[in-house]
Structures are given as C-alpha cells and as structure tokens.
PDB file of N, CA and C in Angstrom:
ATOM      1  N   UNK A   1     -24.044  18.458 118.493  1.00  0.00           N
ATOM      2  CA  UNK A   1     -25.140  17.575 118.171  1.00  0.00           C
ATOM      3  C   UNK A   1     -25.027  17.192 116.704  1.00  0.00           C
ATOM      4  N   UNK A   2     -25.300  15.970 116.417  1.00  0.00           N
ATOM      5  CA  UNK A   2     -25.295  15.478 115.053  1.00  0.00           C
ATOM      6  C   UNK A   2     -26.711  15.036 114.707  1.00  0.00           C
ATOM      7  N   UNK A   3     -27.159  15.425 113.519  1.00  0.00           N
ATOM      8  CA  UNK A   3     -28.473  15.005 113.072  1.00  0.00           C
ATOM      9  C   UNK A   3     -29.245  16.145 112.461  1.00  0.00           C
ATOM     10  N   UNK A   4     -30.450  15.854 112.036  1.00  0.00           N
ATOM     11  CA  UNK A   4     -31.340  16.853 111.454  1.00  0.00           C
ATOM     12  C   UNK A   4     -31.683  17.890 112.515  1.00  0.00           C
ATOM     13  N   UNK A   5     -31.413  19.143 112.220  1.00  0.00           N
ATOM     14  CA  UNK A   5     -31.596  20.215 113.203  1.00  0.00           C
ATOM     15  C   UNK A   5     -33.042  20.312 113.687  1.00  0.00           C
ATOM     16  N   UNK A   6     -34.000  20.009 112.834  1.00  0.00           N
ATOM     17  CA  UNK A   6     -35.410  20.038 113.247  1.00  0.00           C
ATOM     18  C   UNK A   6     -35.678  19.037 114.362  1.00  0.00           C
ATOM     19  N   UNK A   7     -34.996  17.911 114.313  1.00  0.00           N
ATOM     20  CA  UNK A   7     -35.210  16.862 115.311  1.00  0.00           C
ATOM     21  C   UNK A   7     -34.356  17.095 116.548  1.00  0.00           C
ATOM     22  N   UNK A   8     -33.081  17.440 116.372  1.00  0.00           N
ATOM     23  CA  UNK A   8     -32.183  17.576 117.515  1.00  0.00           C
ATOM     24  C   UNK A   8     -32.525  18.770 118.399  1.00  0.00           C
ATOM     25  N   UNK A   9     -33.054  19.848 117.818  1.00  0.00           N
ATOM     26  CA  UNK A   9     -33.400  21.028 118.623  1.00  0.00           C
ATOM     27  C   UNK A   9     -34.777  20.934 119.259  1.00  0.00           C
ATOM     28  N   UNK A  10     -35.667  20.195 118.645  1.00  0.00           N
ATOM     29  CA  UNK A  10     -37.060  20.157 119.099  1.00  0.00           C
ATOM     30  C   UNK A  10     -37.189  19.789 120.569  1.00  0.00           C
ATOM     31  N   UNK A  11     -36.495  18.758 121.006  1.00  0.00           N
ATOM     32  CA  UNK A  11     -36.609  18.279 122.388  1.00  0.00           C
ATOM     33  C   UNK A  11     -35.273  18.309 123.130  1.00  0.00           C
ATOM     34  N   UNK A  12     -34.388  19.179 122.710  1.00  0.00           N
ATOM     35  CA  UNK A  12     -33.045  19.201 123.279  1.00  0.00           C
ATOM     36  C   UNK A  12     -33.059  19.332 124.805  1.00  0.00           C
ATOM     37  N   UNK A  13     -33.780  20.297 125.334  1.00  0.00           N
ATOM     38  CA  UNK A  13     -33.751  20.544 126.777  1.00  0.00           C
ATOM     39  C   UNK A  13     -34.430  19.424 127.554  1.00  0.00           C
ATOM     40  N   UNK A  14     -35.496  18.867 127.023  1.00  0.00           N
ATOM     41  CA  UNK A  14     -36.185  17.778 127.704  1.00  0.00           C
ATOM     42  C   UNK A  14     -35.329  16.503 127.715  1.00  0.00           C
ATOM     43  N   UNK A  15     -34.622  16.234 126.636  1.00  0.00           N
ATOM     44  CA  UNK A  15     -33.828  15.013 126.546  1.00  0.00           C
ATOM     45  C   UNK A  15     -32.496  15.092 127.280  1.00  0.00           C
ATOM     46  N   UNK A  16     -31.888  16.269 127.336  1.00  0.00           N
ATOM     47  CA  UNK A  16     -30.532  16.380 127.877  1.00  0.00           C
ATOM     48  C   UNK A  16     -30.452  17.110 129.215  1.00  0.00           C
ATOM     49  N   UNK A  17     -31.439  17.911 129.556  1.00  0.00           N
ATOM     50  CA  UNK A  17     -31.482  18.643 130.815  1.00  0.00           C
ATOM     51  C   UNK A  17     -30.129  19.287 131.153  1.00  0.00           C
ATOM     52  N   UNK A  18     -29.612  20.146 130.251  1.00  0.00           N
ATOM     53  CA  UNK A  18     -28.295  20.739 130.488  1.00  0.00           C
ATOM     54  C   UNK A  18     -28.352  21.860 131.525  1.00  0.00           C
ATOM     55  N   UNK A  19     -27.180  22.234 132.007  1.00  0.00           N
ATOM     56  CA  UNK A  19     -27.069  23.441 132.821  1.00  0.00           C
ATOM     57  C   UNK A  19     -27.466  24.622 131.938  1.00  0.00           C
ATOM     58  N   UNK A  20     -27.763  25.789 132.516  1.00  0.00           N
ATOM     59  CA  UNK A  20     -28.123  26.937 131.677  1.00  0.00           C
ATOM     60  C   UNK A  20     -27.064  27.210 130.606  1.00  0.00           C
ATOM     61  N   UNK A  21     -27.528  27.420 129.398  1.00  0.00           N
ATOM     62  CA  UNK A  21     -26.658  27.601 128.237  1.00  0.00           C
ATOM     63  C   UNK A  21     -26.124  29.032 128.214  1.00  0.00           C
ATOM     64  N   UNK A  22     -24.816  29.160 128.000  1.00  0.00           N
ATOM     65  CA  UNK A  22     -24.183  30.470 127.934  1.00  0.00           C
ATOM     66  C   UNK A  22     -23.530  30.757 126.601  1.00  0.00           C
ATOM     67  N   UNK A  23     -23.448  29.741 125.738  1.00  0.00           N
ATOM     68  CA  UNK A  23     -22.785  29.920 124.459  1.00  0.00           C
ATOM     69  C   UNK A  23     -23.322  28.897 123.462  1.00  0.00           C
ATOM     70  N   UNK A  24     -23.590  29.343 122.238  1.00  0.00           N
ATOM     71  CA  UNK A  24     -24.041  28.457 121.167  1.00  0.00           C
ATOM     72  C   UNK A  24     -23.222  28.782 119.926  1.00  0.00           C
ATOM     73  N   UNK A  25     -22.618  27.760 119.332  1.00  0.00           N
ATOM     74  CA  UNK A  25     -21.865  27.916 118.099  1.00  0.00           C
ATOM     75  C   UNK A  25     -22.695  27.376 116.948  1.00  0.00           C
ATOM     76  N   UNK A  26     -22.987  28.239 115.991  1.00  0.00           N
ATOM     77  CA  UNK A  26     -23.787  27.853 114.830  1.00  0.00           C
ATOM     78  C   UNK A  26     -22.878  27.693 113.620  1.00  0.00           C
ATOM     79  N   UNK A  27     -22.788  26.487 113.104  1.00  0.00           N
ATOM     80  CA  UNK A  27     -22.062  26.224 111.865  1.00  0.00           C
ATOM     81  C   UNK A  27     -23.051  25.530 110.941  1.00  0.00           C
ATOM     82  N   UNK A  28     -24.042  26.279 110.512  1.00  0.00           N
ATOM     83  CA  UNK A  28     -25.191  25.686 109.821  1.00  0.00           C
ATOM     84  C   UNK A  28     -25.273  26.070 108.350  1.00  0.00           C
ATOM     85  N   UNK A  29     -24.640  27.156 107.968  1.00  0.00           N
ATOM     86  CA  UNK A  29     -24.491  27.575 106.577  1.00  0.00           C
ATOM     87  C   UNK A  29     -25.767  28.072 105.895  1.00  0.00           C
ATOM     88  N   UNK A  30     -26.884  27.461 106.137  1.00  0.00           N
ATOM     89  CA  UNK A  30     -28.089  27.759 105.363  1.00  0.00           C
ATOM     90  C   UNK A  30     -29.146  28.495 106.178  1.00  0.00           C
ATOM     91  N   UNK A  31     -30.008  29.204 105.453  1.00  0.00           N
ATOM     92  CA  UNK A  31     -31.133  29.888 106.080  1.00  0.00           C
ATOM     93  C   UNK A  31     -32.022  28.910 106.838  1.00  0.00           C
ATOM     94  N   UNK A  32     -32.416  27.814 106.182  1.00  0.00           N
ATOM     95  CA  UNK A  32     -33.387  26.885 106.764  1.00  0.00           C
ATOM     96  C   UNK A  32     -32.876  26.275 108.066  1.00  0.00           C
ATOM     97  N   UNK A  33     -31.641  25.830 108.089  1.00  0.00           N
ATOM     98  CA  UNK A  33     -31.112  25.216 109.307  1.00  0.00           C
ATOM     99  C   UNK A  33     -30.881  26.251 110.405  1.00  0.00           C
ATOM    100  N   UNK A  34     -30.475  27.460 110.033  1.00  0.00           N
ATOM    101  CA  UNK A  34     -30.271  28.508 111.039  1.00  0.00           C
ATOM    102  C   UNK A  34     -31.595  28.926 111.659  1.00  0.00           C
ATOM    103  N   UNK A  35     -32.638  29.081 110.846  1.00  0.00           N
ATOM    104  CA  UNK A  35     -33.922  29.481 111.417  1.00  0.00           C
ATOM    105  C   UNK A  35     -34.483  28.388 112.317  1.00  0.00           C
ATOM    106  N   UNK A  36     -34.247  27.122 111.990  1.00  0.00           N
ATOM    107  CA  UNK A  36     -34.661  26.023 112.879  1.00  0.00           C
ATOM    108  C   UNK A  36     -33.880  26.067 114.184  1.00  0.00           C
ATOM    109  N   UNK A  37     -32.584  26.312 114.114  1.00  0.00           N
ATOM    110  CA  UNK A  37     -31.751  26.350 115.315  1.00  0.00           C
ATOM    111  C   UNK A  37     -32.146  27.498 116.238  1.00  0.00           C
ATOM    112  N   UNK A  38     -32.541  28.625 115.685  1.00  0.00           N
ATOM    113  CA  UNK A  38     -32.941  29.763 116.513  1.00  0.00           C
ATOM    114  C   UNK A  38     -34.225  29.487 117.287  1.00  0.00           C
ATOM    115  N   UNK A  39     -35.002  28.514 116.845  1.00  0.00           N
ATOM    116  CA  UNK A  39     -36.208  28.122 117.592  1.00  0.00           C
ATOM    117  C   UNK A  39     -35.849  27.543 118.952  1.00  0.00           C
ATOM    118  N   UNK A  40     -34.612  27.111 119.120  1.00  0.00           N
ATOM    119  CA  UNK A  40     -34.145  26.627 120.413  1.00  0.00           C
ATOM    120  C   UNK A  40     -34.318  27.704 121.484  1.00  0.00           C
ATOM    121  N   UNK A  41     -34.187  28.962 121.085  1.00  0.00           N
ATOM    122  CA  UNK A  41     -34.332  30.075 122.034  1.00  0.00           C
ATOM    123  C   UNK A  41     -35.754  30.216 122.554  1.00  0.00           C
ATOM    124  N   UNK A  42     -36.713  29.598 121.886  1.00  0.00           N
ATOM    125  CA  UNK A  42     -38.109  29.658 122.332  1.00  0.00           C
ATOM    126  C   UNK A  42     -38.345  28.836 123.596  1.00  0.00           C
ATOM    127  N   UNK A  43     -37.352  28.058 124.020  1.00  0.00           N
ATOM    128  CA  UNK A  43     -37.499  27.230 125.215  1.00  0.00           C
ATOM    129  C   UNK A  43     -37.722  28.073 126.468  1.00  0.00           C
ATOM    130  N   UNK A  44     -37.309  29.316 126.430  1.00  0.00           N
ATOM    131  CA  UNK A  44     -37.539  30.209 127.561  1.00  0.00           C
ATOM    132  C   UNK A  44     -36.270  30.549 128.314  1.00  0.00           C
ATOM    133  N   UNK A  45     -36.294  31.651 129.041  1.00  0.00           N
ATOM    134  CA  UNK A  45     -35.096  32.177 129.697  1.00  0.00           C
ATOM    135  C   UNK A  45     -34.533  31.285 130.795  1.00  0.00           C
ATOM    136  N   UNK A  46     -35.308  30.385 131.376  1.00  0.00           N
ATOM    137  CA  UNK A  46     -34.778  29.549 132.449  1.00  0.00           C
ATOM    138  C   UNK A  46     -33.714  28.574 131.952  1.00  0.00           C
ATOM    139  N   UNK A  47     -33.649  28.346 130.655  1.00  0.00           N
ATOM    140  CA  UNK A  47     -32.656  27.434 130.083  1.00  0.00           C
ATOM    141  C   UNK A  47     -31.361  28.130 129.680  1.00  0.00           C
ATOM    142  N   UNK A  48     -31.296  29.449 129.862  1.00  0.00           N
ATOM    143  CA  UNK A  48     -30.151  30.218 129.387  1.00  0.00           C
ATOM    144  C   UNK A  48     -29.613  31.143 130.468  1.00  0.00           C
ATOM    145  N   UNK A  49     -28.321  31.449 130.369  1.00  0.00           N
ATOM    146  CA  UNK A  49     -27.759  32.491 131.222  1.00  0.00           C
ATOM    147  C   UNK A  49     -28.337  33.830 130.770  1.00  0.00           C
ATOM    148  N   UNK A  50     -28.219  34.871 131.584  1.00  0.00           N
ATOM    149  CA  UNK A  50     -28.798  36.164 131.195  1.00  0.00           C
ATOM    150  C   UNK A  50     -28.284  36.703 129.864  1.00  0.00           C
ATOM    151  N   UNK A  51     -27.050  36.407 129.521  1.00  0.00           N
ATOM    152  CA  UNK A  51     -26.497  36.818 128.235  1.00  0.00           C
ATOM    153  C   UNK A  51     -25.853  35.600 127.594  1.00  0.00           C
ATOM    154  N   UNK A  52     -26.260  35.300 126.369  1.00  0.00           N
ATOM    155  CA  UNK A  52     -25.764  34.119 125.660  1.00  0.00           C
ATOM    156  C   UNK A  52     -24.924  34.568 124.470  1.00  0.00           C
ATOM    157  N   UNK A  53     -23.670  34.114 124.426  1.00  0.00           N
ATOM    158  CA  UNK A  53     -22.816  34.373 123.284  1.00  0.00           C
ATOM    159  C   UNK A  53     -23.209  33.401 122.181  1.00  0.00           C
ATOM    160  N   UNK A  54     -23.452  33.929 120.976  1.00  0.00           N
ATOM    161  CA  UNK A  54     -23.811  33.078 119.843  1.00  0.00           C
ATOM    162  C   UNK A  54     -22.862  33.371 118.693  1.00  0.00           C
ATOM    163  N   UNK A  55     -22.198  32.323 118.215  1.00  0.00           N
ATOM    164  CA  UNK A  55     -21.279  32.447 117.095  1.00  0.00           C
ATOM    165  C   UNK A  55     -21.952  31.912 115.841  1.00  0.00           C
ATOM    166  N   UNK A  56     -21.906  32.685 114.760  1.00  0.00           N
ATOM    167  CA  UNK A  56     -22.404  32.264 113.445  1.00  0.00           C
ATOM    168  C   UNK A  56     -21.231  32.365 112.484  1.00  0.00           C
ATOM    169  N   UNK A  57     -20.940  31.278 111.782  1.00  0.00           N
ATOM    170  CA  UNK A  57     -19.734  31.258 110.956  1.00  0.00           C
ATOM    171  C   UNK A  57     -19.900  31.904 109.587  1.00  0.00           C
ATOM    172  N   UNK A  58     -21.111  32.170 109.152  1.00  0.00           N
ATOM    173  CA  UNK A  58     -21.313  32.676 107.787  1.00  0.00           C
ATOM    174  C   UNK A  58     -22.049  34.012 107.754  1.00  0.00           C
ATOM    175  N   UNK A  59     -21.576  34.980 108.526  1.00  0.00           N
ATOM    176  CA  UNK A  59     -22.226  36.293 108.498  1.00  0.00           C
ATOM    177  C   UNK A  59     -21.322  37.386 107.951  1.00  0.00           C
ATOM    178  N   UNK A  60     -20.028  37.143 107.896  1.00  0.00           N
ATOM    179  CA  UNK A  60     -19.079  38.109 107.359  1.00  0.00           C
ATOM    180  C   UNK A  60     -18.391  37.460 106.163  1.00  0.00           C
ATOM    181  N   UNK A  61     -18.223  38.220 105.091  1.00  0.00           N
ATOM    182  CA  UNK A  61     -17.669  37.617 103.882  1.00  0.00           C
ATOM    183  C   UNK A  61     -16.614  38.507 103.247  1.00  0.00           C
ATOM    184  N   UNK A  62     -16.039  37.975 102.184  1.00  0.00           N
ATOM    185  CA  UNK A  62     -15.090  38.730 101.380  1.00  0.00           C
ATOM    186  C   UNK A  62     -15.588  38.724  99.934  1.00  0.00           C
ATOM    187  N   UNK A  63     -14.726  39.029  98.995  1.00  0.00           N
ATOM    188  CA  UNK A  63     -15.128  39.092  97.584  1.00  0.00           C
ATOM    189  C   UNK A  63     -15.451  37.723  96.981  1.00  0.00           C
ATOM    190  N   UNK A  64     -15.010  36.668  97.619  1.00  0.00           N
ATOM    191  CA  UNK A  64     -15.247  35.321  97.095  1.00  0.00           C
ATOM    192  C   UNK A  64     -16.428  34.667  97.797  1.00  0.00           C
ATOM    193  N   UNK A  65     -16.430  34.709  99.121  1.00  0.00           N
ATOM    194  CA  UNK A  65     -17.506  34.112  99.908  1.00  0.00           C
ATOM    195  C   UNK A  65     -18.517  35.219 100.202  1.00  0.00           C
ATOM    196  N   UNK A  66     -19.627  35.196  99.525  1.00  0.00           N
ATOM    197  CA  UNK A  66     -20.598  36.284  99.625  1.00  0.00           C
ATOM    198  C   UNK A  66     -21.700  35.948 100.622  1.00  0.00           C
ATOM    199  N   UNK A  67     -21.856  36.804 101.605  1.00  0.00           N
ATOM    200  CA  UNK A  67     -22.936  36.695 102.592  1.00  0.00           C
ATOM    201  C   UNK A  67     -23.691  38.018 102.568  1.00  0.00           C
ATOM    202  N   UNK A  68     -24.990  37.951 102.745  1.00  0.00           N
ATOM    203  CA  UNK A  68     -25.760  39.192 102.811  1.00  0.00           C
ATOM    204  C   UNK A  68     -26.945  39.011 103.744  1.00  0.00           C
ATOM    205  N   UNK A  69     -27.582  40.129 104.053  1.00  0.00           N
ATOM    206  CA  UNK A  69     -28.761  40.078 104.926  1.00  0.00           C
ATOM    207  C   UNK A  69     -29.983  39.517 104.210  1.00  0.00           C
ATOM    208  N   UNK A  70     -29.846  39.147 102.954  1.00  0.00           N
ATOM    209  CA  UNK A  70     -30.962  38.622 102.165  1.00  0.00           C
ATOM    210  C   UNK A  70     -30.911  37.105 102.009  1.00  0.00           C
ATOM    211  N   UNK A  71     -29.878  36.466 102.554  1.00  0.00           N
ATOM    212  CA  UNK A  71     -29.735  35.023 102.414  1.00  0.00           C
ATOM    213  C   UNK A  71     -29.115  34.417 103.666  1.00  0.00           C
ATOM    214  N   UNK A  72     -29.208  33.124 103.788  1.00  0.00           N
ATOM    215  CA  UNK A  72     -28.483  32.356 104.779  1.00  0.00           C
ATOM    216  C   UNK A  72     -28.698  32.752 106.224  1.00  0.00           C
ATOM    217  N   UNK A  73     -27.616  32.637 107.002  1.00  0.00           N
ATOM    218  CA  UNK A  73     -27.676  32.893 108.436  1.00  0.00           C
ATOM    219  C   UNK A  73     -28.145  34.310 108.745  1.00  0.00           C
ATOM    220  N   UNK A  74     -27.684  35.287 107.978  1.00  0.00           N
ATOM    221  CA  UNK A  74     -28.058  36.676 108.266  1.00  0.00           C
ATOM    222  C   UNK A  74     -29.545  36.920 108.059  1.00  0.00           C
ATOM    223  N   UNK A  75     -30.155  36.316 107.054  1.00  0.00           N
ATOM    224  CA  UNK A  75     -31.598  36.451 106.861  1.00  0.00           C
ATOM    225  C   UNK A  75     -32.344  35.798 108.020  1.00  0.00           C
ATOM    226  N   UNK A  76     -31.904  34.624 108.448  1.00  0.00           N
ATOM    227  CA  UNK A  76     -32.552  33.951 109.579  1.00  0.00           C
ATOM    228  C   UNK A  76     -32.457  34.796 110.852  1.00  0.00           C
ATOM    229  N   UNK A  77     -31.305  35.423 111.088  1.00  0.00           N
ATOM    230  CA  UNK A  77     -31.135  36.302 112.255  1.00  0.00           C
ATOM    231  C   UNK A  77     -32.071  37.491 112.152  1.00  0.00           C
ATOM    232  N   UNK A  78     -32.149  38.103 110.981  1.00  0.00           N
ATOM    233  CA  UNK A  78     -33.036  39.257 110.782  1.00  0.00           C
ATOM    234  C   UNK A  78     -34.494  38.884 111.041  1.00  0.00           C
ATOM    235  N   UNK A  79     -34.914  37.745 110.541  1.00  0.00           N
ATOM    236  CA  UNK A  79     -36.300  37.306 110.769  1.00  0.00           C
ATOM    237  C   UNK A  79     -36.542  36.982 112.235  1.00  0.00           C
ATOM    238  N   UNK A  80     -35.564  36.371 112.895  1.00  0.00           N
ATOM    239  CA  UNK A  80     -35.692  36.112 114.325  1.00  0.00           C
ATOM    240  C   UNK A  80     -35.876  37.424 115.081  1.00  0.00           C
ATOM    241  N   UNK A  81     -35.058  38.415 114.754  1.00  0.00           N
ATOM    242  CA  UNK A  81     -35.148  39.704 115.433  1.00  0.00           C
ATOM    243  C   UNK A  81     -36.520  40.347 115.265  1.00  0.00           C
ATOM    244  N   UNK A  82     -37.133  40.179 114.118  1.00  0.00           N
ATOM    245  CA  UNK A  82     -38.448  40.771 113.881  1.00  0.00           C
ATOM    246  C   UNK A  82     -39.527  40.115 114.725  1.00  0.00           C
ATOM    247  N   UNK A  83     -39.362  38.840 115.061  1.00  0.00           N
ATOM    248  CA  UNK A  83     -40.412  38.132 115.793  1.00  0.00           C
ATOM    249  C   UNK A  83     -40.126  37.971 117.277  1.00  0.00           C
ATOM    250  N   UNK A  84     -38.896  38.204 117.735  1.00  0.00           N
ATOM    251  CA  UNK A  84     -38.505  37.890 119.113  1.00  0.00           C
ATOM    252  C   UNK A  84     -38.450  39.089 120.040  1.00  0.00           C
ATOM    253  N   UNK A  85     -38.997  40.196 119.658  1.00  0.00           N
ATOM    254  CA  UNK A  85     -38.848  41.394 120.476  1.00  0.00           C
ATOM    255  C   UNK A  85     -39.953  41.598 121.510  1.00  0.00           C
ATOM    256  N   UNK A  86     -40.832  40.614 121.685  1.00  0.00           N
ATOM    257  CA  UNK A  86     -41.865  40.786 122.699  1.00  0.00           C
ATOM    258  C   UNK A  86     -41.250  40.677 124.094  1.00  0.00           C
ATOM    259  N   UNK A  87     -41.989  41.077 125.105  1.00  0.00           N
ATOM    260  CA  UNK A  87     -41.453  41.173 126.462  1.00  0.00           C
ATOM    261  C   UNK A  87     -41.073  39.819 127.062  1.00  0.00           C
ATOM    262  N   UNK A  88     -41.665  38.756 126.597  1.00  0.00           N
ATOM    263  CA  UNK A  88     -41.398  37.436 127.164  1.00  0.00           C
ATOM    264  C   UNK A  88     -40.216  36.729 126.511  1.00  0.00           C
ATOM    265  N   UNK A  89     -39.691  37.271 125.447  1.00  0.00           N
ATOM    266  CA  UNK A  89     -38.651  36.577 124.703  1.00  0.00           C
ATOM    267  C   UNK A  89     -37.310  37.281 124.854  1.00  0.00           C
ATOM    268  N   UNK A  90     -36.332  36.825 124.118  1.00  0.00           N
ATOM    269  CA  UNK A  90     -34.990  37.387 124.159  1.00  0.00           C
ATOM    270  C   UNK A  90     -34.926  38.689 123.385  1.00  0.00           C
ATOM    271  N   UNK A  91     -33.906  39.464 123.667  1.00  0.00           N
ATOM    272  CA  UNK A  91     -33.695  40.691 122.911  1.00  0.00           C
ATOM    273  C   UNK A  91     -33.045  40.370 121.574  1.00  0.00           C
ATOM    274  N   UNK A  92     -32.815  41.400 120.797  1.00  0.00           N
ATOM    275  CA  UNK A  92     -32.249  41.235 119.458  1.00  0.00           C
ATOM    276  C   UNK A  92     -30.914  40.501 119.477  1.00  0.00           C
ATOM    277  N   UNK A  93     -30.647  39.806 118.385  1.00  0.00           N
ATOM    278  CA  UNK A  93     -29.328  39.223 118.140  1.00  0.00           C
ATOM    279  C   UNK A  93     -28.524  40.249 117.351  1.00  0.00           C
ATOM    280  N   UNK A  94     -27.336  40.565 117.821  1.00  0.00           N
ATOM    281  CA  UNK A  94     -26.470  41.510 117.134  1.00  0.00           C
ATOM    282  C   UNK A  94     -25.263  40.772 116.612  1.00  0.00           C
ATOM    283  N   UNK A  95     -24.748  41.213 115.489  1.00  0.00           N
ATOM    284  CA  UNK A  95     -23.519  40.637 114.977  1.00  0.00           C
ATOM    285  C   UNK A  95     -22.596  41.735 114.523  1.00  0.00           C
ATOM    286  N   UNK A  96     -21.305  41.456 114.675  1.00  0.00           N
ATOM    287  CA  UNK A  96     -20.291  42.432 114.284  1.00  0.00           C
ATOM    288  C   UNK A  96     -19.102  41.727 113.677  1.00  0.00           C
TER     289      UNK A  96
END
C-alpha cells in the first residue's frame, strides 16, 4: 500500500475485502507509523488467519544502526502488547 498509513489502514478491510491475512511486512521505520499500522489488528480475528507472521525491519541493530525498546518500531510493539492482551484481541507480538 502506498500513502499515509493513517488513511490506508483505517478502511483497508472495507475497501479491499481481502482473504484472511496471514502475513504483514512492516517497513515503517518510525514509532508513529508503526503504532498506526498496528491498529489494523483491531479489525478483529475474522480478518486474519489464526497465526499471523509479522515482519518488522527495524527491531534488530548493530553498532551503527541503533534500535531499542524505547524508540521506533520496538516501542510501538511494546505499547501494543500492553493494550492488546484482553480476551477479545490478539496475543502478544514477539520478536527475535
């Protein structure tokens, strides 16, 4: 999808009516765009396969490219995990 993530994710399922999603690749780089993209999961379990593979490109770093749980994609994932653990929503997102 190309465009502002707030707009493209807001009505994605209503506009495109895709088959159940089994994989999402996130190349968003920033906290703000990643947290907006994770709102896509609020659409409910009927839009997803029982287990969804999610790729995030900026969660592992080296001495030059610094990523931490306090910024960017990892912070957005951590915040999602804190709010998404109720019985009606998805389980935690894990990364390795």
